[in-house]
Amino acid sequence: MHTSGGRVSMVINGVTYSARGVIKIAKSNQTNASGVNQDGTLYRTVQPKARTAECTFDRFVRTTDNKPLIWDETILQMTDMQVTFTETDGGQQHIMSGAFWVGDPQEDTSTGEIEGLSIAADACKTINL
């Protein structure tokens, strides 16, 4: 039997982040497209792309010294991050290395969510627990 969904923990450079909603991890560093020649034959193009993870965060993250994290340019300046997603119920762990933030953090004061950020990484490895 396989299990999908459930609890996911996320640790970035030793700090635990609480994700809200769905986490979408794109592990491949290439994207393929197709086209058709004028004679009807098919061709393929391959383009490089970043490995990414999209998620929405709880704004009430605490740093390793228990201070509230400020979601400003300080976050965007973080580079070479080690990011670990652990699927507690699904039995997998996804490790992204050489990562950095992409996007524009936006704070929703009515829900406490931080949106508009994703993670781009040099490498992504999945381990079955």
N, C-alpha and C. Protein backbone atom coordinates (compact mmCIF):
# COMPACT_ATOMS: atom_id res chain seq x y z
N MET A 1 0.85 -1.17 0.00
CA MET A 1 0.00 0.00 0.00
C MET A 1 0.89 1.23 0.00
N HIS A 2 0.51 2.23 -0.76
CA HIS A 2 1.26 3.48 -0.72
C HIS A 2 0.42 4.55 -0.06
N THR A 3 1.10 5.52 0.54
CA THR A 3 0.42 6.62 1.24
C THR A 3 0.82 7.93 0.59
N SER A 4 -0.16 8.74 0.25
CA SER A 4 0.08 10.08 -0.26
C SER A 4 -0.54 11.08 0.69
N GLY A 5 0.00 12.29 0.68
CA GLY A 5 -0.53 13.33 1.56
C GLY A 5 -0.01 13.16 2.98
N GLY A 6 -0.65 13.84 3.90
CA GLY A 6 -0.25 13.74 5.29
C GLY A 6 0.67 14.86 5.72
N ARG A 7 1.40 14.60 6.79
CA ARG A 7 2.26 15.62 7.40
C ARG A 7 3.59 15.75 6.65
N VAL A 8 4.04 17.01 6.53
CA VAL A 8 5.33 17.30 5.92
C VAL A 8 6.05 18.30 6.80
N SER A 9 7.28 17.98 7.18
CA SER A 9 8.10 18.94 7.91
C SER A 9 9.14 19.51 6.96
N MET A 10 9.55 20.74 7.23
CA MET A 10 10.51 21.41 6.37
C MET A 10 11.56 22.10 7.24
N VAL A 11 12.83 21.83 6.96
CA VAL A 11 13.94 22.45 7.68
C VAL A 11 14.85 23.11 6.65
N ILE A 12 15.14 24.39 6.88
CA ILE A 12 16.02 25.14 6.00
C ILE A 12 17.16 25.69 6.84
N ASN A 13 18.37 25.25 6.56
CA ASN A 13 19.56 25.69 7.30
C ASN A 13 19.36 25.58 8.81
N GLY A 14 18.75 24.48 9.26
CA GLY A 14 18.58 24.23 10.68
C GLY A 14 17.36 24.88 11.31
N VAL A 15 16.60 25.68 10.55
CA VAL A 15 15.40 26.34 11.06
C VAL A 15 14.17 25.61 10.52
N THR A 16 13.23 25.27 11.41
CA THR A 16 12.01 24.59 11.00
C THR A 16 11.00 25.62 10.50
N TYR A 17 10.50 25.40 9.31
CA TYR A 17 9.48 26.25 8.70
C TYR A 17 8.18 25.45 8.66
N SER A 18 7.06 26.11 8.93
CA SER A 18 5.76 25.45 8.81
C SER A 18 5.15 25.82 7.47
N ALA A 19 4.96 24.81 6.65
CA ALA A 19 4.34 25.03 5.35
C ALA A 19 2.83 25.01 5.50
N ARG A 20 2.16 25.78 4.66
CA ARG A 20 0.71 25.77 4.59
C ARG A 20 0.32 25.25 3.22
N GLY A 21 -0.67 24.43 3.18
CA GLY A 21 -1.15 23.96 1.89
C GLY A 21 -0.21 22.96 1.23
N VAL A 22 -0.23 22.97 -0.07
CA VAL A 22 0.48 22.00 -0.89
C VAL A 22 1.93 22.44 -1.11
N ILE A 23 2.84 21.49 -1.08
CA ILE A 23 4.22 21.73 -1.47
C ILE A 23 4.43 21.02 -2.80
N LYS A 24 4.87 21.77 -3.81
CA LYS A 24 5.10 21.20 -5.13
C LYS A 24 6.59 21.21 -5.41
N ILE A 25 7.19 20.01 -5.55
CA ILE A 25 8.62 19.88 -5.77
C ILE A 25 8.84 19.44 -7.22
N ALA A 26 9.61 20.24 -7.96
CA ALA A 26 9.98 19.92 -9.34
C ALA A 26 11.44 19.48 -9.32
N LYS A 27 11.69 18.16 -9.36
CA LYS A 27 13.02 17.60 -9.16
C LYS A 27 13.90 17.62 -10.40
N SER A 28 13.33 17.70 -11.56
CA SER A 28 14.09 17.62 -12.80
C SER A 28 14.73 18.97 -13.13
N ASN A 29 15.91 18.92 -13.74
CA ASN A 29 16.56 20.16 -14.16
C ASN A 29 16.46 20.36 -15.67
N GLN A 30 15.47 19.74 -16.27
CA GLN A 30 15.21 19.97 -17.69
C GLN A 30 13.71 19.93 -17.95
N THR A 31 13.32 20.59 -19.01
CA THR A 31 11.94 20.52 -19.46
C THR A 31 11.94 20.16 -20.94
N ASN A 32 11.02 19.32 -21.35
CA ASN A 32 10.93 18.88 -22.74
C ASN A 32 9.69 19.49 -23.39
N ALA A 33 9.82 19.80 -24.65
CA ALA A 33 8.68 20.28 -25.43
C ALA A 33 8.65 19.51 -26.75
N SER A 34 7.51 19.51 -27.38
CA SER A 34 7.40 18.82 -28.68
C SER A 34 6.95 19.81 -29.75
N GLY A 35 7.24 19.44 -30.95
CA GLY A 35 6.81 20.22 -32.10
C GLY A 35 6.59 19.28 -33.27
N VAL A 36 6.06 19.84 -34.33
CA VAL A 36 5.79 19.03 -35.52
C VAL A 36 6.39 19.74 -36.73
N ASN A 37 7.15 18.97 -37.52
CA ASN A 37 7.70 19.49 -38.77
C ASN A 37 6.58 19.63 -39.80
N GLN A 38 6.86 20.34 -40.89
CA GLN A 38 5.86 20.56 -41.94
C GLN A 38 5.41 19.26 -42.61
N ASP A 39 6.22 18.20 -42.49
CA ASP A 39 5.82 16.93 -43.09
C ASP A 39 5.07 16.04 -42.09
N GLY A 40 4.79 16.58 -40.90
CA GLY A 40 4.03 15.83 -39.91
C GLY A 40 4.86 15.02 -38.94
N THR A 41 6.17 14.98 -39.13
CA THR A 41 7.02 14.24 -38.19
C THR A 41 7.22 15.05 -36.92
N LEU A 42 7.39 14.31 -35.85
CA LEU A 42 7.49 14.90 -34.51
C LEU A 42 8.95 15.15 -34.14
N TYR A 43 9.19 16.24 -33.42
CA TYR A 43 10.53 16.46 -32.86
C TYR A 43 10.41 16.91 -31.41
N ARG A 44 11.53 16.83 -30.72
CA ARG A 44 11.57 17.18 -29.30
C ARG A 44 12.67 18.21 -29.08
N THR A 45 12.40 19.18 -28.19
CA THR A 45 13.43 20.11 -27.74
C THR A 45 13.59 19.93 -26.23
N VAL A 46 14.81 20.14 -25.76
CA VAL A 46 15.13 20.01 -24.35
C VAL A 46 15.74 21.32 -23.88
N GLN A 47 15.23 21.84 -22.75
CA GLN A 47 15.78 23.07 -22.20
C GLN A 47 16.10 22.87 -20.73
N PRO A 48 17.21 23.46 -20.28
CA PRO A 48 17.53 23.37 -18.85
C PRO A 48 16.61 24.26 -18.04
N LYS A 49 16.42 23.90 -16.78
CA LYS A 49 15.62 24.71 -15.86
C LYS A 49 16.09 24.42 -14.44
N ALA A 50 15.67 25.26 -13.53
CA ALA A 50 16.04 25.08 -12.12
C ALA A 50 15.14 24.02 -11.48
N ARG A 51 15.70 23.29 -10.53
CA ARG A 51 14.89 22.43 -9.66
C ARG A 51 14.23 23.37 -8.66
N THR A 52 12.94 23.19 -8.40
CA THR A 52 12.23 24.15 -7.57
C THR A 52 11.29 23.47 -6.57
N ALA A 53 10.90 24.24 -5.57
CA ALA A 53 9.85 23.83 -4.63
C ALA A 53 8.98 25.05 -4.38
N GLU A 54 7.68 24.90 -4.59
CA GLU A 54 6.72 25.97 -4.34
C GLU A 54 5.96 25.66 -3.07
N CYS A 55 5.82 26.65 -2.19
CA CYS A 55 5.06 26.45 -0.97
C CYS A 55 4.64 27.79 -0.39
N THR A 56 3.65 27.71 0.47
CA THR A 56 3.17 28.85 1.24
C THR A 56 3.57 28.58 2.69
N PHE A 57 4.02 29.61 3.38
CA PHE A 57 4.57 29.44 4.72
C PHE A 57 3.71 30.10 5.79
N ASP A 58 3.85 29.63 7.01
CA ASP A 58 3.30 30.28 8.19
C ASP A 58 4.25 31.42 8.55
N ARG A 59 3.75 32.62 8.73
CA ARG A 59 4.64 33.75 8.99
C ARG A 59 5.31 33.69 10.36
N PHE A 60 4.82 32.85 11.25
CA PHE A 60 5.34 32.81 12.61
C PHE A 60 6.47 31.80 12.77
N VAL A 61 7.46 31.89 11.89
CA VAL A 61 8.66 31.04 11.97
C VAL A 61 9.62 31.69 12.95
N ARG A 62 10.31 30.85 13.74
CA ARG A 62 11.32 31.35 14.68
C ARG A 62 12.69 30.90 14.22
N THR A 63 13.68 31.75 14.37
CA THR A 63 15.05 31.43 14.00
C THR A 63 15.65 30.48 15.04
N THR A 64 16.89 30.04 14.81
CA THR A 64 17.53 29.12 15.74
C THR A 64 17.74 29.74 17.12
N ASP A 65 17.78 31.07 17.21
CA ASP A 65 17.89 31.73 18.52
C ASP A 65 16.52 32.20 19.04
N ASN A 66 15.45 31.59 18.49
CA ASN A 66 14.06 31.78 18.94
C ASN A 66 13.52 33.19 18.71
N LYS A 67 14.04 33.90 17.73
CA LYS A 67 13.52 35.22 17.37
C LYS A 67 12.58 35.06 16.18
N PRO A 68 11.53 35.89 16.09
CA PRO A 68 10.63 35.79 14.93
C PRO A 68 11.38 36.13 13.64
N LEU A 69 11.14 35.35 12.61
CA LEU A 69 11.75 35.59 11.32
C LEU A 69 11.04 36.76 10.65
N ILE A 70 11.79 37.69 10.09
CA ILE A 70 11.23 38.82 9.36
C ILE A 70 11.32 38.48 7.87
N TRP A 71 10.18 38.49 7.21
CA TRP A 71 10.10 38.09 5.80
C TRP A 71 10.38 39.30 4.92
N ASP A 72 11.64 39.73 4.86
CA ASP A 72 12.03 40.89 4.05
C ASP A 72 13.22 40.52 3.17
N GLU A 73 13.98 41.52 2.75
CA GLU A 73 15.12 41.26 1.86
C GLU A 73 16.19 40.37 2.49
N THR A 74 16.22 40.30 3.81
CA THR A 74 17.18 39.42 4.48
C THR A 74 16.95 37.97 4.05
N ILE A 75 15.69 37.58 3.95
CA ILE A 75 15.35 36.23 3.47
C ILE A 75 15.85 36.03 2.04
N LEU A 76 15.59 37.01 1.19
CA LEU A 76 15.95 36.88 -0.22
C LEU A 76 17.46 36.84 -0.44
N GLN A 77 18.24 37.31 0.52
CA GLN A 77 19.70 37.30 0.39
C GLN A 77 20.32 35.97 0.79
N MET A 78 19.53 35.07 1.35
CA MET A 78 20.05 33.76 1.76
C MET A 78 20.41 32.93 0.52
N THR A 79 21.61 32.36 0.53
CA THR A 79 22.05 31.51 -0.59
C THR A 79 22.67 30.24 -0.05
N ASP A 80 22.90 29.31 -0.94
CA ASP A 80 23.52 28.02 -0.60
C ASP A 80 22.82 27.33 0.57
N MET A 81 21.49 27.37 0.55
CA MET A 81 20.69 26.78 1.63
C MET A 81 20.60 25.27 1.46
N GLN A 82 20.49 24.59 2.59
CA GLN A 82 20.19 23.16 2.64
C GLN A 82 18.73 23.04 3.05
N VAL A 83 17.88 22.47 2.21
CA VAL A 83 16.45 22.38 2.45
C VAL A 83 16.05 20.91 2.51
N THR A 84 15.34 20.52 3.57
CA THR A 84 14.89 19.14 3.71
C THR A 84 13.39 19.11 3.94
N PHE A 85 12.68 18.42 3.06
CA PHE A 85 11.25 18.17 3.22
C PHE A 85 11.11 16.70 3.64
N THR A 86 10.45 16.44 4.75
CA THR A 86 10.23 15.07 5.20
C THR A 86 8.75 14.77 5.20
N GLU A 87 8.35 13.80 4.38
CA GLU A 87 6.96 13.35 4.34
C GLU A 87 6.80 12.30 5.45
N THR A 88 6.29 12.72 6.58
CA THR A 88 6.17 11.85 7.74
C THR A 88 5.30 10.64 7.44
N ASP A 89 4.16 10.85 6.80
CA ASP A 89 3.23 9.76 6.52
C ASP A 89 3.54 9.05 5.20
N GLY A 90 4.22 9.74 4.28
CA GLY A 90 4.52 9.15 2.97
C GLY A 90 5.84 8.41 2.91
N GLY A 91 6.69 8.59 3.93
CA GLY A 91 7.92 7.82 4.00
C GLY A 91 9.02 8.26 3.05
N GLN A 92 9.03 9.52 2.66
CA GLN A 92 10.09 10.01 1.78
C GLN A 92 10.68 11.29 2.33
N GLN A 93 11.93 11.53 1.97
CA GLN A 93 12.60 12.77 2.33
C GLN A 93 13.21 13.35 1.05
N HIS A 94 13.01 14.65 0.85
CA HIS A 94 13.52 15.34 -0.32
C HIS A 94 14.55 16.36 0.17
N ILE A 95 15.77 16.25 -0.33
CA ILE A 95 16.85 17.13 0.11
C ILE A 95 17.28 17.98 -1.07
N MET A 96 17.16 19.30 -0.90
CA MET A 96 17.57 20.25 -1.94
C MET A 96 18.80 20.98 -1.42
N SER A 97 19.85 21.02 -2.23
CA SER A 97 21.08 21.68 -1.80
C SER A 97 21.46 22.78 -2.78
N GLY A 98 22.27 23.73 -2.28
CA GLY A 98 22.65 24.87 -3.11
C GLY A 98 21.46 25.73 -3.44
N ALA A 99 20.52 25.85 -2.51
CA ALA A 99 19.24 26.51 -2.78
C ALA A 99 19.26 28.00 -2.42
N PHE A 100 18.31 28.71 -3.02
CA PHE A 100 18.08 30.12 -2.69
C PHE A 100 16.61 30.43 -2.95
N TRP A 101 16.16 31.55 -2.37
CA TRP A 101 14.76 31.98 -2.51
C TRP A 101 14.55 32.67 -3.86
N VAL A 102 13.36 32.48 -4.42
CA VAL A 102 12.95 33.13 -5.65
C VAL A 102 11.57 33.74 -5.40
N GLY A 103 11.35 34.96 -5.86
CA GLY A 103 10.03 35.57 -5.75
C GLY A 103 9.99 36.79 -4.88
N ASP A 104 8.78 37.11 -4.46
CA ASP A 104 8.50 38.33 -3.70
C ASP A 104 7.61 37.95 -2.52
N PRO A 105 8.15 37.88 -1.29
CA PRO A 105 7.34 37.46 -0.15
C PRO A 105 6.22 38.45 0.14
N GLN A 106 5.02 37.93 0.25
CA GLN A 106 3.85 38.75 0.57
C GLN A 106 3.15 38.16 1.78
N GLU A 107 2.89 39.00 2.77
CA GLU A 107 2.30 38.55 4.03
C GLU A 107 0.80 38.84 4.04
N ASP A 108 0.00 37.81 4.26
CA ASP A 108 -1.45 37.94 4.39
C ASP A 108 -1.76 38.05 5.88
N THR A 109 -2.09 39.25 6.34
CA THR A 109 -2.30 39.47 7.77
C THR A 109 -3.56 38.81 8.29
N SER A 110 -4.50 38.45 7.40
CA SER A 110 -5.73 37.81 7.88
C SER A 110 -5.54 36.32 8.14
N THR A 111 -4.58 35.69 7.45
CA THR A 111 -4.37 34.25 7.62
C THR A 111 -3.02 33.91 8.23
N GLY A 112 -2.09 34.86 8.26
CA GLY A 112 -0.75 34.59 8.76
C GLY A 112 0.11 33.84 7.77
N GLU A 113 -0.26 33.88 6.49
CA GLU A 113 0.48 33.16 5.47
C GLU A 113 1.47 34.07 4.75
N ILE A 114 2.60 33.49 4.36
CA ILE A 114 3.56 34.15 3.48
C ILE A 114 3.47 33.46 2.13
N GLU A 115 3.15 34.23 1.11
CA GLU A 115 3.00 33.70 -0.24
C GLU A 115 4.01 34.36 -1.16
N GLY A 116 4.12 33.88 -2.37
CA GLY A 116 4.94 34.51 -3.38
C GLY A 116 6.39 34.07 -3.41
N LEU A 117 6.75 33.04 -2.64
CA LEU A 117 8.12 32.55 -2.61
C LEU A 117 8.21 31.11 -3.08
N SER A 118 9.29 30.81 -3.73
CA SER A 118 9.63 29.42 -4.02
C SER A 118 11.13 29.26 -3.80
N ILE A 119 11.60 28.05 -3.92
CA ILE A 119 13.00 27.73 -3.71
C ILE A 119 13.54 27.17 -5.01
N ALA A 120 14.72 27.65 -5.43
CA ALA A 120 15.43 27.07 -6.57
C ALA A 120 16.70 26.44 -6.02
N ALA A 121 17.10 25.29 -6.58
CA ALA A 121 18.24 24.56 -6.01
C ALA A 121 19.10 23.92 -7.10
N ASP A 122 20.39 23.75 -6.77
CA ASP A 122 21.32 23.07 -7.67
C ASP A 122 21.00 21.60 -7.81
N ALA A 123 20.60 20.97 -6.69
CA ALA A 123 20.39 19.52 -6.69
C ALA A 123 19.20 19.15 -5.83
N CYS A 124 18.57 18.03 -6.16
CA CYS A 124 17.46 17.51 -5.36
C CYS A 124 17.59 15.98 -5.33
N LYS A 125 17.58 15.44 -4.12
CA LYS A 125 17.70 14.00 -3.95
C LYS A 125 16.54 13.51 -3.10
N THR A 126 15.94 12.39 -3.48
CA THR A 126 14.83 11.80 -2.72
C THR A 126 15.30 10.48 -2.10
N ILE A 127 14.97 10.34 -0.82
CA ILE A 127 15.34 9.14 -0.07
C ILE A 127 14.07 8.49 0.46
N ASN A 128 13.92 7.17 0.30
CA ASN A 128 12.82 6.45 0.91
C ASN A 128 13.19 6.12 2.35
N LEU A 129 12.33 6.49 3.28
CA LEU A 129 12.61 6.26 4.71
C LEU A 129 12.14 4.89 5.14
